[in-house]
Amino acid sequence: MTFISTDGKSAAAGKTDSSGKYELVGGAIPGTYKVKVEKFETPSVPAGGSQADIAENKSYKPTPEGAELPPPKNLLPAKYADPNQSGFTATVKESGENRFDFQIQ
């Protein structure tokens, strides 16, 4: 999750937990923000990471040396990754509670 100020001069980001709760790292300065939300696929790693575990995981294919890793896959509709299309905004106040809930459909 990323909050991007409407003037483009500041931003704040955070990571959601498994229940969707989030906290912005370092908080956000007061102001109005557009919000983008992304949820990336977590690649599965064979349990233990031993050579035997890797050998048993038929879907595992090592990345060739020097090759670029593919970009992570965003599991949410693309509109949520664009702060201009997500439809999410937040106005951070200087004092009081700043709680923002966003519904992903």
PDB file of N, CA and C in Angstrom:
ATOM      1  N   MET A   1       0.845  -1.157   0.000  1.00  0.00           N
ATOM      2  CA  MET A   1       0.000   0.000   0.000  1.00  0.00           C
ATOM      3  C   MET A   1       0.899   1.231   0.000  1.00  0.00           C
ATOM      4  N   THR A   2       0.567   2.177  -0.855  1.00  0.00           N
ATOM      5  CA  THR A   2       1.351   3.405  -0.926  1.00  0.00           C
ATOM      6  C   THR A   2       0.413   4.600  -0.963  1.00  0.00           C
ATOM      7  N   PHE A   3       0.695   5.581  -0.104  1.00  0.00           N
ATOM      8  CA  PHE A   3      -0.008   6.856  -0.102  1.00  0.00           C
ATOM      9  C   PHE A   3       0.879   7.841  -0.842  1.00  0.00           C
ATOM     10  N   ILE A   4       0.346   8.506  -1.859  1.00  0.00           N
ATOM     11  CA  ILE A   4       1.105   9.465  -2.657  1.00  0.00           C
ATOM     12  C   ILE A   4       0.384  10.813  -2.562  1.00  0.00           C
ATOM     13  N   SER A   5       1.099  11.824  -2.063  1.00  0.00           N
ATOM     14  CA  SER A   5       0.441  13.121  -1.874  1.00  0.00           C
ATOM     15  C   SER A   5      -0.056  13.658  -3.215  1.00  0.00           C
ATOM     16  N   THR A   6      -1.163  14.386  -3.159  1.00  0.00           N
ATOM     17  CA  THR A   6      -1.751  14.899  -4.395  1.00  0.00           C
ATOM     18  C   THR A   6      -0.851  15.913  -5.077  1.00  0.00           C
ATOM     19  N   ASP A   7       0.086  16.527  -4.310  1.00  0.00           N
ATOM     20  CA  ASP A   7       1.033  17.458  -4.934  1.00  0.00           C
ATOM     21  C   ASP A   7       2.289  16.722  -5.425  1.00  0.00           C
ATOM     22  N   GLY A   8       2.360  15.411  -5.161  1.00  0.00           N
ATOM     23  CA  GLY A   8       3.493  14.606  -5.636  1.00  0.00           C
ATOM     24  C   GLY A   8       4.788  14.813  -4.874  1.00  0.00           C
ATOM     25  N   LYS A   9       4.750  15.533  -3.752  1.00  0.00           N
ATOM     26  CA  LYS A   9       5.973  15.858  -3.026  1.00  0.00           C
ATOM     27  C   LYS A   9       6.305  14.879  -1.907  1.00  0.00           C
ATOM     28  N   SER A  10       5.356  14.031  -1.506  1.00  0.00           N
ATOM     29  CA  SER A  10       5.658  13.072  -0.449  1.00  0.00           C
ATOM     30  C   SER A  10       4.868  11.790  -0.660  1.00  0.00           C
ATOM     31  N   ALA A  11       5.359  10.739  -0.023  1.00  0.00           N
ATOM     32  CA  ALA A  11       4.698   9.446  -0.103  1.00  0.00           C
ATOM     33  C   ALA A  11       4.996   8.672   1.172  1.00  0.00           C
ATOM     34  N   ALA A  12       4.172   7.705   1.451  1.00  0.00           N
ATOM     35  CA  ALA A  12       4.376   6.817   2.589  1.00  0.00           C
ATOM     36  C   ALA A  12       3.886   5.439   2.174  1.00  0.00           C
ATOM     37  N   ALA A  13       4.570   4.407   2.636  1.00  0.00           N
ATOM     38  CA  ALA A  13       4.209   3.049   2.237  1.00  0.00           C
ATOM     39  C   ALA A  13       4.141   2.137   3.442  1.00  0.00           C
ATOM     40  N   GLY A  14       3.386   1.089   3.298  1.00  0.00           N
ATOM     41  CA  GLY A  14       3.261   0.080   4.335  1.00  0.00           C
ATOM     42  C   GLY A  14       2.940  -1.251   3.708  1.00  0.00           C
ATOM     43  N   LYS A  15       2.972  -2.276   4.521  1.00  0.00           N
ATOM     44  CA  LYS A  15       2.717  -3.631   4.063  1.00  0.00           C
ATOM     45  C   LYS A  15       1.535  -4.180   4.858  1.00  0.00           C
ATOM     46  N   THR A  16       0.635  -4.858   4.168  1.00  0.00           N
ATOM     47  CA  THR A  16      -0.506  -5.446   4.856  1.00  0.00           C
ATOM     48  C   THR A  16      -0.120  -6.787   5.456  1.00  0.00           C
ATOM     49  N   ASP A  17      -0.832  -7.161   6.517  1.00  0.00           N
ATOM     50  CA  ASP A  17      -0.628  -8.495   7.069  1.00  0.00           C
ATOM     51  C   ASP A  17      -1.637  -9.441   6.421  1.00  0.00           C
ATOM     52  N   SER A  18      -1.695 -10.662   6.887  1.00  0.00           N
ATOM     53  CA  SER A  18      -2.565 -11.662   6.256  1.00  0.00           C
ATOM     54  C   SER A  18      -4.047 -11.319   6.376  1.00  0.00           C
ATOM     55  N   SER A  19      -4.418 -10.461   7.341  1.00  0.00           N
ATOM     56  CA  SER A  19      -5.817 -10.071   7.483  1.00  0.00           C
ATOM     57  C   SER A  19      -6.131  -8.759   6.772  1.00  0.00           C
ATOM     58  N   GLY A  20      -5.127  -8.148   6.124  1.00  0.00           N
ATOM     59  CA  GLY A  20      -5.344  -6.908   5.395  1.00  0.00           C
ATOM     60  C   GLY A  20      -5.076  -5.651   6.198  1.00  0.00           C
ATOM     61  N   LYS A  21      -4.680  -5.787   7.460  1.00  0.00           N
ATOM     62  CA  LYS A  21      -4.355  -4.611   8.266  1.00  0.00           C
ATOM     63  C   LYS A  21      -2.987  -4.085   7.851  1.00  0.00           C
ATOM     64  N   TYR A  22      -2.824  -2.780   7.946  1.00  0.00           N
ATOM     65  CA  TYR A  22      -1.560  -2.169   7.536  1.00  0.00           C
ATOM     66  C   TYR A  22      -1.223  -1.007   8.442  1.00  0.00           C
ATOM     67  N   GLU A  23       0.033  -0.650   8.424  1.00  0.00           N
ATOM     68  CA  GLU A  23       0.511   0.547   9.096  1.00  0.00           C
ATOM     69  C   GLU A  23       1.594   1.128   8.203  1.00  0.00           C
ATOM     70  N   LEU A  24       1.529   2.436   7.971  1.00  0.00           N
ATOM     71  CA  LEU A  24       2.522   3.082   7.128  1.00  0.00           C
ATOM     72  C   LEU A  24       3.840   3.194   7.886  1.00  0.00           C
ATOM     73  N   VAL A  25       4.913   2.782   7.267  1.00  0.00           N
ATOM     74  CA  VAL A  25       6.235   2.855   7.891  1.00  0.00           C
ATOM     75  C   VAL A  25       6.604   4.326   8.051  1.00  0.00           C
ATOM     76  N   GLY A  26       6.826   4.746   9.279  1.00  0.00           N
ATOM     77  CA  GLY A  26       7.171   6.140   9.542  1.00  0.00           C
ATOM     78  C   GLY A  26       5.994   7.089   9.484  1.00  0.00           C
ATOM     79  N   GLY A  27       4.809   6.580   9.178  1.00  0.00           N
ATOM     80  CA  GLY A  27       3.626   7.435   9.108  1.00  0.00           C
ATOM     81  C   GLY A  27       3.606   8.300   7.862  1.00  0.00           C
ATOM     82  N   ALA A  28       2.667   9.216   7.822  1.00  0.00           N
ATOM     83  CA  ALA A  28       2.517  10.133   6.690  1.00  0.00           C
ATOM     84  C   ALA A  28       2.317  11.536   7.234  1.00  0.00           C
ATOM     85  N   ILE A  29       2.869  12.513   6.552  1.00  0.00           N
ATOM     86  CA  ILE A  29       2.669  13.898   6.983  1.00  0.00           C
ATOM     87  C   ILE A  29       1.225  14.302   6.663  1.00  0.00           C
ATOM     88  N   PRO A  30       0.664  15.233   7.406  1.00  0.00           N
ATOM     89  CA  PRO A  30      -0.712  15.649   7.136  1.00  0.00           C
ATOM     90  C   PRO A  30      -0.866  16.132   5.689  1.00  0.00           C
ATOM     91  N   GLY A  31      -1.986  15.774   5.111  1.00  0.00           N
ATOM     92  CA  GLY A  31      -2.277  16.179   3.740  1.00  0.00           C
ATOM     93  C   GLY A  31      -3.216  15.197   3.071  1.00  0.00           C
ATOM     94  N   THR A  32      -3.474  15.438   1.800  1.00  0.00           N
ATOM     95  CA  THR A  32      -4.372  14.595   1.019  1.00  0.00           C
ATOM     96  C   THR A  32      -3.550  13.689   0.111  1.00  0.00           C
ATOM     97  N   TYR A  33      -3.942  12.426   0.084  1.00  0.00           N
ATOM     98  CA  TYR A  33      -3.195  11.412  -0.653  1.00  0.00           C
ATOM     99  C   TYR A  33      -4.088  10.611  -1.585  1.00  0.00           C
ATOM    100  N   LYS A  34      -3.516  10.199  -2.696  1.00  0.00           N
ATOM    101  CA  LYS A  34      -4.103   9.164  -3.540  1.00  0.00           C
ATOM    102  C   LYS A  34      -3.439   7.872  -3.071  1.00  0.00           C
ATOM    103  N   VAL A  35      -4.173   6.781  -3.161  1.00  0.00           N
ATOM    104  CA  VAL A  35      -3.669   5.531  -2.609  1.00  0.00           C
ATOM    105  C   VAL A  35      -3.631   4.448  -3.678  1.00  0.00           C
ATOM    106  N   LYS A  36      -2.519   3.702  -3.670  1.00  0.00           N
ATOM    107  CA  LYS A  36      -2.449   2.532  -4.545  1.00  0.00           C
ATOM    108  C   LYS A  36      -2.229   1.303  -3.674  1.00  0.00           C
ATOM    109  N   VAL A  37      -2.822   0.199  -4.101  1.00  0.00           N
ATOM    110  CA  VAL A  37      -2.748  -1.041  -3.338  1.00  0.00           C
ATOM    111  C   VAL A  37      -2.309  -2.156  -4.282  1.00  0.00           C
ATOM    112  N   GLU A  38      -1.290  -2.890  -3.842  1.00  0.00           N
ATOM    113  CA  GLU A  38      -0.794  -4.027  -4.621  1.00  0.00           C
ATOM    114  C   GLU A  38      -0.605  -5.207  -3.682  1.00  0.00           C
ATOM    115  N   LYS A  39      -0.856  -6.393  -4.186  1.00  0.00           N
ATOM    116  CA  LYS A  39      -0.610  -7.623  -3.428  1.00  0.00           C
ATOM    117  C   LYS A  39       0.142  -8.548  -4.364  1.00  0.00           C
ATOM    118  N   PHE A  40       1.389  -8.813  -3.988  1.00  0.00           N
ATOM    119  CA  PHE A  40       2.235  -9.611  -4.860  1.00  0.00           C
ATOM    120  C   PHE A  40       2.252 -11.068  -4.451  1.00  0.00           C
ATOM    121  N   GLU A  41       2.296 -11.909  -5.459  1.00  0.00           N
ATOM    122  CA  GLU A  41       2.396 -13.347  -5.260  1.00  0.00           C
ATOM    123  C   GLU A  41       3.700 -13.657  -4.542  1.00  0.00           C
ATOM    124  N   THR A  42       3.614 -14.500  -3.543  1.00  0.00           N
ATOM    125  CA  THR A  42       4.807 -14.913  -2.816  1.00  0.00           C
ATOM    126  C   THR A  42       5.258 -16.243  -3.396  1.00  0.00           C
ATOM    127  N   PRO A  43       6.458 -16.283  -3.969  1.00  0.00           N
ATOM    128  CA  PRO A  43       6.906 -17.550  -4.543  1.00  0.00           C
ATOM    129  C   PRO A  43       7.076 -18.590  -3.444  1.00  0.00           C
ATOM    130  N   SER A  44       6.684 -19.827  -3.756  1.00  0.00           N
ATOM    131  CA  SER A  44       6.841 -20.876  -2.765  1.00  0.00           C
ATOM    132  C   SER A  44       8.281 -21.372  -2.789  1.00  0.00           C
ATOM    133  N   VAL A  45       8.777 -21.610  -1.614  1.00  0.00           N
ATOM    134  CA  VAL A  45      10.139 -22.116  -1.455  1.00  0.00           C
ATOM    135  C   VAL A  45      10.030 -23.505  -0.856  1.00  0.00           C
ATOM    136  N   PRO A  46      10.722 -24.457  -1.408  1.00  0.00           N
ATOM    137  CA  PRO A  46      10.649 -25.801  -0.840  1.00  0.00           C
ATOM    138  C   PRO A  46      10.992 -25.778   0.645  1.00  0.00           C
ATOM    139  N   ALA A  47      10.224 -26.520   1.447  1.00  0.00           N
ATOM    140  CA  ALA A  47      10.457 -26.563   2.894  1.00  0.00           C
ATOM    141  C   ALA A  47      11.886 -26.968   3.187  1.00  0.00           C
ATOM    142  N   GLY A  48      12.531 -26.210   4.040  1.00  0.00           N
ATOM    143  CA  GLY A  48      13.905 -26.527   4.418  1.00  0.00           C
ATOM    144  C   GLY A  48      14.935 -26.026   3.444  1.00  0.00           C
ATOM    145  N   GLY A  49      14.581 -25.902   2.187  1.00  0.00           N
ATOM    146  CA  GLY A  49      15.499 -25.378   1.190  1.00  0.00           C
ATOM    147  C   GLY A  49      16.680 -26.285   0.863  1.00  0.00           C
ATOM    148  N   SER A  50      16.604 -27.566   1.218  1.00  0.00           N
ATOM    149  CA  SER A  50      17.720 -28.460   0.918  1.00  0.00           C
ATOM    150  C   SER A  50      17.679 -28.885  -0.546  1.00  0.00           C
ATOM    151  N   GLN A  51      18.761 -29.430  -1.020  1.00  0.00           N
ATOM    152  CA  GLN A  51      18.822 -29.906  -2.409  1.00  0.00           C
ATOM    153  C   GLN A  51      17.782 -30.993  -2.641  1.00  0.00           C
ATOM    154  N   ALA A  52      17.548 -31.861  -1.642  1.00  0.00           N
ATOM    155  CA  ALA A  52      16.549 -32.920  -1.783  1.00  0.00           C
ATOM    156  C   ALA A  52      15.155 -32.320  -1.940  1.00  0.00           C
ATOM    157  N   ASP A  53      14.864 -31.286  -1.146  1.00  0.00           N
ATOM    158  CA  ASP A  53      13.559 -30.640  -1.249  1.00  0.00           C
ATOM    159  C   ASP A  53      13.374 -30.014  -2.623  1.00  0.00           C
ATOM    160  N   ILE A  54      14.406 -29.365  -3.115  1.00  0.00           N
ATOM    161  CA  ILE A  54      14.333 -28.735  -4.432  1.00  0.00           C
ATOM    162  C   ILE A  54      14.136 -29.799  -5.506  1.00  0.00           C
ATOM    163  N   ALA A  55      14.851 -30.921  -5.396  1.00  0.00           N
ATOM    164  CA  ALA A  55      14.746 -31.996  -6.384  1.00  0.00           C
ATOM    165  C   ALA A  55      13.336 -32.580  -6.423  1.00  0.00           C
ATOM    166  N   GLU A  56      12.646 -32.617  -5.278  1.00  0.00           N
ATOM    167  CA  GLU A  56      11.300 -33.185  -5.220  1.00  0.00           C
ATOM    168  C   GLU A  56      10.232 -32.231  -5.730  1.00  0.00           C
ATOM    169  N   ASN A  57      10.522 -30.944  -5.754  1.00  0.00           N
ATOM    170  CA  ASN A  57       9.560 -29.940  -6.207  1.00  0.00           C
ATOM    171  C   ASN A  57       9.675 -29.826  -7.723  1.00  0.00           C
ATOM    172  N   LYS A  58       8.797 -30.529  -8.428  1.00  0.00           N
ATOM    173  CA  LYS A  58       8.889 -30.605  -9.888  1.00  0.00           C
ATOM    174  C   LYS A  58       8.641 -29.262 -10.569  1.00  0.00           C
ATOM    175  N   SER A  59       7.950 -28.334  -9.885  1.00  0.00           N
ATOM    176  CA  SER A  59       7.695 -27.023 -10.487  1.00  0.00           C
ATOM    177  C   SER A  59       8.871 -26.065 -10.302  1.00  0.00           C
ATOM    178  N   TYR A  60       9.836 -26.448  -9.472  1.00  0.00           N
ATOM    179  CA  TYR A  60      10.993 -25.576  -9.221  1.00  0.00           C
ATOM    180  C   TYR A  60      11.915 -25.568 -10.431  1.00  0.00           C
ATOM    181  N   LYS A  61      12.221 -24.373 -10.907  1.00  0.00           N
ATOM    182  CA  LYS A  61      13.178 -24.211 -12.003  1.00  0.00           C
ATOM    183  C   LYS A  61      14.116 -23.087 -11.602  1.00  0.00           C
ATOM    184  N   PRO A  62      15.393 -23.409 -11.407  1.00  0.00           N
ATOM    185  CA  PRO A  62      16.320 -22.353 -10.996  1.00  0.00           C
ATOM    186  C   PRO A  62      16.463 -21.302 -12.086  1.00  0.00           C
ATOM    187  N   THR A  63      16.707 -20.080 -11.662  1.00  0.00           N
ATOM    188  CA  THR A  63      16.943 -18.993 -12.607  1.00  0.00           C
ATOM    189  C   THR A  63      18.361 -19.132 -13.139  1.00  0.00           C
ATOM    190  N   PRO A  64      18.525 -19.161 -14.458  1.00  0.00           N
ATOM    191  CA  PRO A  64      19.880 -19.265 -15.010  1.00  0.00           C
ATOM    192  C   PRO A  64      20.762 -18.111 -14.537  1.00  0.00           C
ATOM    193  N   GLU A  65      22.014 -18.398 -14.313  1.00  0.00           N
ATOM    194  CA  GLU A  65      22.946 -17.381 -13.842  1.00  0.00           C
ATOM    195  C   GLU A  65      22.978 -16.214 -14.824  1.00  0.00           C
ATOM    196  N   GLY A  66      22.883 -15.008 -14.293  1.00  0.00           N
ATOM    197  CA  GLY A  66      22.921 -13.797 -15.110  1.00  0.00           C
ATOM    198  C   GLY A  66      21.559 -13.394 -15.663  1.00  0.00           C
ATOM    199  N   ALA A  67      20.557 -14.267 -15.547  1.00  0.00           N
ATOM    200  CA  ALA A  67      19.221 -13.942 -16.070  1.00  0.00           C
ATOM    201  C   ALA A  67      18.468 -13.074 -15.066  1.00  0.00           C
ATOM    202  N   GLU A  68      17.599 -12.216 -15.573  1.00  0.00           N
ATOM    203  CA  GLU A  68      16.782 -11.378 -14.706  1.00  0.00           C
ATOM    204  C   GLU A  68      15.601 -12.191 -14.182  1.00  0.00           C
ATOM    205  N   LEU A  69      15.253 -11.940 -12.945  1.00  0.00           N
ATOM    206  CA  LEU A  69      14.083 -12.590 -12.387  1.00  0.00           C
ATOM    207  C   LEU A  69      12.833 -11.945 -12.981  1.00  0.00           C
ATOM    208  N   PRO A  70      11.776 -12.727 -13.193  1.00  0.00           N
ATOM    209  CA  PRO A  70      10.543 -12.116 -13.698  1.00  0.00           C
ATOM    210  C   PRO A  70       9.962 -11.199 -12.636  1.00  0.00           C
ATOM    211  N   PRO A  71       9.247 -10.165 -13.047  1.00  0.00           N
ATOM    212  CA  PRO A  71       8.651  -9.266 -12.050  1.00  0.00           C
ATOM    213  C   PRO A  71       7.613 -10.036 -11.235  1.00  0.00           C
ATOM    214  N   PRO A  72       7.421  -9.658  -9.977  1.00  0.00           N
ATOM    215  CA  PRO A  72       6.410 -10.350  -9.175  1.00  0.00           C
ATOM    216  C   PRO A  72       5.021 -10.101  -9.744  1.00  0.00           C
ATOM    217  N   LYS A  73       4.154 -11.065  -9.594  1.00  0.00           N
ATOM    218  CA  LYS A  73       2.796 -10.970 -10.127  1.00  0.00           C
ATOM    219  C   LYS A  73       1.887 -10.287  -9.107  1.00  0.00           C
ATOM    220  N   ASN A  74       1.207  -9.216  -9.538  1.00  0.00           N
ATOM    221  CA  ASN A  74       0.237  -8.527  -8.695  1.00  0.00           C
ATOM    222  C   ASN A  74      -1.066  -9.313  -8.758  1.00  0.00           C
ATOM    223  N   LEU A  75      -1.578  -9.732  -7.607  1.00  0.00           N
ATOM    224  CA  LEU A  75      -2.780 -10.553  -7.550  1.00  0.00           C
ATOM    225  C   LEU A  75      -4.076  -9.743  -7.572  1.00  0.00           C
ATOM    226  N   LEU A  76      -3.975  -8.422  -7.502  1.00  0.00           N
ATOM    227  CA  LEU A  76      -5.162  -7.571  -7.535  1.00  0.00           C
ATOM    228  C   LEU A  76      -5.374  -6.994  -8.936  1.00  0.00           C
ATOM    229  N   PRO A  77      -6.599  -6.580  -9.258  1.00  0.00           N
ATOM    230  CA  PRO A  77      -6.838  -5.926 -10.543  1.00  0.00           C
ATOM    231  C   PRO A  77      -5.904  -4.718 -10.718  1.00  0.00           C
ATOM    232  N   ALA A  78      -5.445  -4.497 -11.926  1.00  0.00           N
ATOM    233  CA  ALA A  78      -4.452  -3.461 -12.236  1.00  0.00           C
ATOM    234  C   ALA A  78      -4.880  -2.065 -11.798  1.00  0.00           C
ATOM    235  N   LYS A  79      -6.179  -1.778 -11.781  1.00  0.00           N
ATOM    236  CA  LYS A  79      -6.625  -0.420 -11.427  1.00  0.00           C
ATOM    237  C   LYS A  79      -6.185  -0.022 -10.022  1.00  0.00           C
ATOM    238  N   TYR A  80      -6.064  -0.983  -9.104  1.00  0.00           N
ATOM    239  CA  TYR A  80      -5.677  -0.653  -7.735  1.00  0.00           C
ATOM    240  C   TYR A  80      -4.204  -0.282  -7.609  1.00  0.00           C
ATOM    241  N   ALA A  81      -3.391  -0.665  -8.578  1.00  0.00           N
ATOM    242  CA  ALA A  81      -1.955  -0.344  -8.561  1.00  0.00           C
ATOM    243  C   ALA A  81      -1.684   1.045  -9.118  1.00  0.00           C
ATOM    244  N   ASP A  82      -2.707   1.706  -9.634  1.00  0.00           N
ATOM    245  CA  ASP A  82      -2.573   3.048 -10.197  1.00  0.00           C
ATOM    246  C   ASP A  82      -3.316   4.025  -9.286  1.00  0.00           C
ATOM    247  N   PRO A  83      -2.589   4.908  -8.588  1.00  0.00           N
ATOM    248  CA  PRO A  83      -3.279   5.818  -7.658  1.00  0.00           C
ATOM    249  C   PRO A  83      -4.286   6.736  -8.337  1.00  0.00           C
ATOM    250  N   ASN A  84      -4.178   6.919  -9.637  1.00  0.00           N
ATOM    251  CA  ASN A  84      -5.131   7.763 -10.360  1.00  0.00           C
ATOM    252  C   ASN A  84      -6.383   6.999 -10.768  1.00  0.00           C
ATOM    253  N   GLN A  85      -6.360   5.662 -10.675  1.00  0.00           N
ATOM    254  CA  GLN A  85      -7.517   4.855 -11.057  1.00  0.00           C
ATOM    255  C   GLN A  85      -8.105   4.044  -9.905  1.00  0.00           C
ATOM    256  N   SER A  86      -7.387   3.943  -8.794  1.00  0.00           N
ATOM    257  CA  SER A  86      -7.841   3.076  -7.700  1.00  0.00           C
ATOM    258  C   SER A  86      -9.150   3.548  -7.075  1.00  0.00           C
ATOM    259  N   GLY A  87      -9.378   4.863  -7.098  1.00  0.00           N
ATOM    260  CA  GLY A  87     -10.561   5.407  -6.439  1.00  0.00           C
ATOM    261  C   GLY A  87     -10.365   5.607  -4.949  1.00  0.00           C
ATOM    262  N   PHE A  88      -9.164   5.321  -4.448  1.00  0.00           N
ATOM    263  CA  PHE A  88      -8.876   5.442  -3.019  1.00  0.00           C
ATOM    264  C   PHE A  88      -8.148   6.747  -2.726  1.00  0.00           C
ATOM    265  N   THR A  89      -8.630   7.467  -1.715  1.00  0.00           N
ATOM    266  CA  THR A  89      -7.963   8.678  -1.247  1.00  0.00           C
ATOM    267  C   THR A  89      -7.974   8.666   0.281  1.00  0.00           C
ATOM    268  N   ALA A  90      -7.088   9.454   0.863  1.00  0.00           N
ATOM    269  CA  ALA A  90      -7.024   9.579   2.314  1.00  0.00           C
ATOM    270  C   ALA A  90      -6.558  10.979   2.653  1.00  0.00           C
ATOM    271  N   THR A  91      -7.172  11.571   3.652  1.00  0.00           N
ATOM    272  CA  THR A  91      -6.734  12.866   4.157  1.00  0.00           C
ATOM    273  C   THR A  91      -6.186  12.637   5.555  1.00  0.00           C
ATOM    274  N   VAL A  92      -4.877  12.758   5.690  1.00  0.00           N
ATOM    275  CA  VAL A  92      -4.202  12.549   6.965  1.00  0.00           C
ATOM    276  C   VAL A  92      -4.287  13.840   7.768  1.00  0.00           C
ATOM    277  N   LYS A  93      -4.801  13.721   9.006  1.00  0.00           N
ATOM    278  CA  LYS A  93      -4.942  14.870   9.899  1.00  0.00           C
ATOM    279  C   LYS A  93      -3.724  14.971  10.808  1.00  0.00           C
ATOM    280  N   GLU A  94      -3.449  16.180  11.250  1.00  0.00           N
ATOM    281  CA  GLU A  94      -2.304  16.419  12.138  1.00  0.00           C
ATOM    282  C   GLU A  94      -2.517  15.784  13.513  1.00  0.00           C
ATOM    283  N   SER A  95      -3.756  15.778  13.970  1.00  0.00           N
ATOM    284  CA  SER A  95      -4.032  15.172  15.272  1.00  0.00           C
ATOM    285  C   SER A  95      -5.298  14.326  15.164  1.00  0.00           C
ATOM    286  N   GLY A  96      -5.478  13.450  16.126  1.00  0.00           N
ATOM    287  CA  GLY A  96      -6.628  12.567  16.101  1.00  0.00           C
ATOM    288  C   GLY A  96      -6.310  11.287  15.347  1.00  0.00           C
ATOM    289  N   GLU A  97      -7.311  10.438  15.281  1.00  0.00           N
ATOM    290  CA  GLU A  97      -7.112   9.140  14.628  1.00  0.00           C
ATOM    291  C   GLU A  97      -7.065   9.281  13.109  1.00  0.00           C
ATOM    292  N   ASN A  98      -6.119   8.620  12.509  1.00  0.00           N
ATOM    293  CA  ASN A  98      -6.017   8.534  11.052  1.00  0.00           C
ATOM    294  C   ASN A  98      -6.155   7.060  10.677  1.00  0.00           C
ATOM    295  N   ARG A  99      -7.385   6.657  10.450  1.00  0.00           N
ATOM    296  CA  ARG A  99      -7.660   5.268  10.075  1.00  0.00           C
ATOM    297  C   ARG A  99      -8.378   5.276   8.733  1.00  0.00           C
ATOM    298  N   PHE A 100      -7.873   4.484   7.815  1.00  0.00           N
ATOM    299  CA  PHE A 100      -8.446   4.437   6.473  1.00  0.00           C
ATOM    300  C   PHE A 100      -8.636   2.976   6.080  1.00  0.00           C
ATOM    301  N   ASP A 101      -9.874   2.623   5.762  1.00  0.00           N
ATOM    302  CA  ASP A 101     -10.202   1.279   5.317  1.00  0.00           C
ATOM    303  C   ASP A 101     -10.574   1.340   3.845  1.00  0.00           C
ATOM    304  N   PHE A 102     -10.017   0.424   3.086  1.00  0.00           N
ATOM    305  CA  PHE A 102     -10.238   0.383   1.646  1.00  0.00           C
ATOM    306  C   PHE A 102     -10.829  -0.973   1.282  1.00  0.00           C
ATOM    307  N   GLN A 103     -11.893  -0.955   0.495  1.00  0.00           N
ATOM    308  CA  GLN A 103     -12.547  -2.193   0.067  1.00  0.00           C
ATOM    309  C   GLN A 103     -12.091  -2.585  -1.337  1.00  0.00           C
ATOM    310  N   ILE A 104     -11.475  -3.735  -1.430  1.00  0.00           N
ATOM    311  CA  ILE A 104     -11.047  -4.274  -2.727  1.00  0.00           C
ATOM    312  C   ILE A 104     -12.169  -5.177  -3.245  1.00  0.00           C
ATOM    313  N   GLN A 105     -12.568  -4.932  -4.468  1.00  0.00           N
ATOM    314  CA  GLN A 105     -13.653  -5.755  -5.045  1.00  0.00           C
ATOM    315  C   GLN A 105     -13.159  -6.537  -6.220  1.00  0.00           C
TER     316      GLN A 105
END
